[in-house]
Amino acid sequence: MTTQEENWEMMTLLGMRWEDAGKVEGDDREFLLARANEIKVDLMKRREQEVQMQNQMRQQAQAAAGA
């Protein structure tokens, strides 16, 4: 991942300002990027669960309409 991509993740997922994300270095940067990744993984899991729920509701509605 490029520095710009890392800064983008810190900005979008952690709410940091672009200027501040660019200044973070070393252990602090690694820590914040790890936290951003945890948030990203959690968001992806939630989206998948939402899609699954929507599909289940759609199938139930189709089954009810066909009955």
C-alpha atoms as a PDB file:
ATOM      1  CA  MET A   1       0.000   0.000   0.000  1.00  0.00           C
ATOM      2  CA  THR A   2       1.345   3.446  -0.870  1.00  0.00           C
ATOM      3  CA  THR A   3       1.703   6.225   1.674  1.00  0.00           C
ATOM      4  CA  GLN A   4      -1.216   8.004   0.030  1.00  0.00           C
ATOM      5  CA  GLU A   5      -3.388   4.898   0.378  1.00  0.00           C
ATOM      6  CA  GLU A   6      -2.389   4.573   4.030  1.00  0.00           C
ATOM      7  CA  ASN A   7      -3.205   8.231   4.643  1.00  0.00           C
ATOM      8  CA  TRP A   8      -6.557   7.761   2.896  1.00  0.00           C
ATOM      9  CA  GLU A   9      -7.431   4.834   5.157  1.00  0.00           C
ATOM     10  CA  MET A  10      -6.502   6.770   8.278  1.00  0.00           C
ATOM     11  CA  MET A  11      -8.506   9.743   7.053  1.00  0.00           C
ATOM     12  CA  THR A  12     -11.641   7.837   6.051  1.00  0.00           C
ATOM     13  CA  LEU A  13     -11.701   5.122   8.703  1.00  0.00           C
ATOM     14  CA  LEU A  14     -10.238   6.944  11.700  1.00  0.00           C
ATOM     15  CA  GLY A  15     -11.487  10.447  10.945  1.00  0.00           C
ATOM     16  CA  MET A  16      -8.036  11.988  10.835  1.00  0.00           C
ATOM     17  CA  ARG A  17      -7.256  15.073   8.796  1.00  0.00           C
ATOM     18  CA  TRP A  18      -5.119  14.403   5.710  1.00  0.00           C
ATOM     19  CA  GLU A  19      -2.356  16.650   6.999  1.00  0.00           C
ATOM     20  CA  ASP A  20      -2.255  14.836  10.332  1.00  0.00           C
ATOM     21  CA  ALA A  21      -2.277  11.372   8.754  1.00  0.00           C
ATOM     22  CA  GLY A  22       0.765  12.339   6.700  1.00  0.00           C
ATOM     23  CA  LYS A  23       2.697  13.332   9.814  1.00  0.00           C
ATOM     24  CA  VAL A  24       2.238  10.062  11.731  1.00  0.00           C
ATOM     25  CA  GLU A  25       5.327   7.844  11.590  1.00  0.00           C
ATOM     26  CA  GLY A  26       6.859   4.699  13.021  1.00  0.00           C
ATOM     27  CA  ASP A  27       5.078   2.661  15.679  1.00  0.00           C
ATOM     28  CA  ASP A  28       2.202   5.132  15.886  1.00  0.00           C
ATOM     29  CA  ARG A  29       1.571   4.800  12.149  1.00  0.00           C
ATOM     30  CA  GLU A  30       1.653   0.999  12.316  1.00  0.00           C
ATOM     31  CA  PHE A  31      -0.732   1.047  15.289  1.00  0.00           C
ATOM     32  CA  LEU A  32      -3.208   3.393  13.608  1.00  0.00           C
ATOM     33  CA  LEU A  33      -3.110   1.455  10.347  1.00  0.00           C
ATOM     34  CA  ALA A  34      -3.803  -1.762  12.252  1.00  0.00           C
ATOM     35  CA  ARG A  35      -6.818  -0.125  13.933  1.00  0.00           C
ATOM     36  CA  ALA A  36      -8.024   1.202  10.567  1.00  0.00           C
ATOM     37  CA  ASN A  37      -7.752  -2.314   9.147  1.00  0.00           C
ATOM     38  CA  GLU A  38      -9.800  -3.716  12.045  1.00  0.00           C
ATOM     39  CA  ILE A  39     -12.513  -1.158  11.328  1.00  0.00           C
ATOM     40  CA  LYS A  40     -12.419  -1.985   7.613  1.00  0.00           C
ATOM     41  CA  VAL A  41     -12.773  -5.716   8.291  1.00  0.00           C
ATOM     42  CA  ASP A  42     -15.681  -5.059  10.663  1.00  0.00           C
ATOM     43  CA  LEU A  43     -17.422  -2.868   8.067  1.00  0.00           C
ATOM     44  CA  MET A  44     -16.995  -5.537   5.408  1.00  0.00           C
ATOM     45  CA  LYS A  45     -18.464  -8.195   7.720  1.00  0.00           C
ATOM     46  CA  ARG A  46     -21.442  -5.973   8.509  1.00  0.00           C
ATOM     47  CA  ARG A  47     -22.070  -5.308   4.829  1.00  0.00           C
ATOM     48  CA  GLU A  48     -21.979  -9.025   4.098  1.00  0.00           C
ATOM     49  CA  GLN A  49     -24.457  -9.684   6.906  1.00  0.00           C
ATOM     50  CA  GLU A  50     -26.759  -6.964   5.553  1.00  0.00           C
ATOM     51  CA  VAL A  51     -26.651  -8.484   2.069  1.00  0.00           C
ATOM     52  CA  GLN A  52     -27.417 -11.928   3.470  1.00  0.00           C
ATOM     53  CA  MET A  53     -30.336 -10.535   5.453  1.00  0.00           C
ATOM     54  CA  GLN A  54     -31.720  -8.735   2.410  1.00  0.00           C
ATOM     55  CA  ASN A  55     -31.458 -11.941   0.378  1.00  0.00           C
ATOM     56  CA  GLN A  56     -33.260 -13.915   3.071  1.00  0.00           C
ATOM     57  CA  MET A  57     -36.030 -11.323   3.252  1.00  0.00           C
ATOM     58  CA  ARG A  58     -36.347 -11.341  -0.541  1.00  0.00           C
ATOM     59  CA  GLN A  59     -36.580 -15.154  -0.584  1.00  0.00           C
ATOM     60  CA  GLN A  60     -39.190 -15.136   2.168  1.00  0.00           C
ATOM     61  CA  ALA A  61     -41.243 -12.532   0.327  1.00  0.00           C
ATOM     62  CA  GLN A  62     -41.048 -14.558  -2.896  1.00  0.00           C
ATOM     63  CA  ALA A  63     -42.038 -17.726  -1.052  1.00  0.00           C
ATOM     64  CA  ALA A  64     -44.993 -15.954   0.565  1.00  0.00           C
ATOM     65  CA  ALA A  65     -46.094 -14.511  -2.771  1.00  0.00           C
ATOM     66  CA  GLY A  66     -45.886 -17.931  -4.412  1.00  0.00           C
ATOM     67  CA  ALA A  67     -47.843 -19.708  -1.694  1.00  0.00           C
END
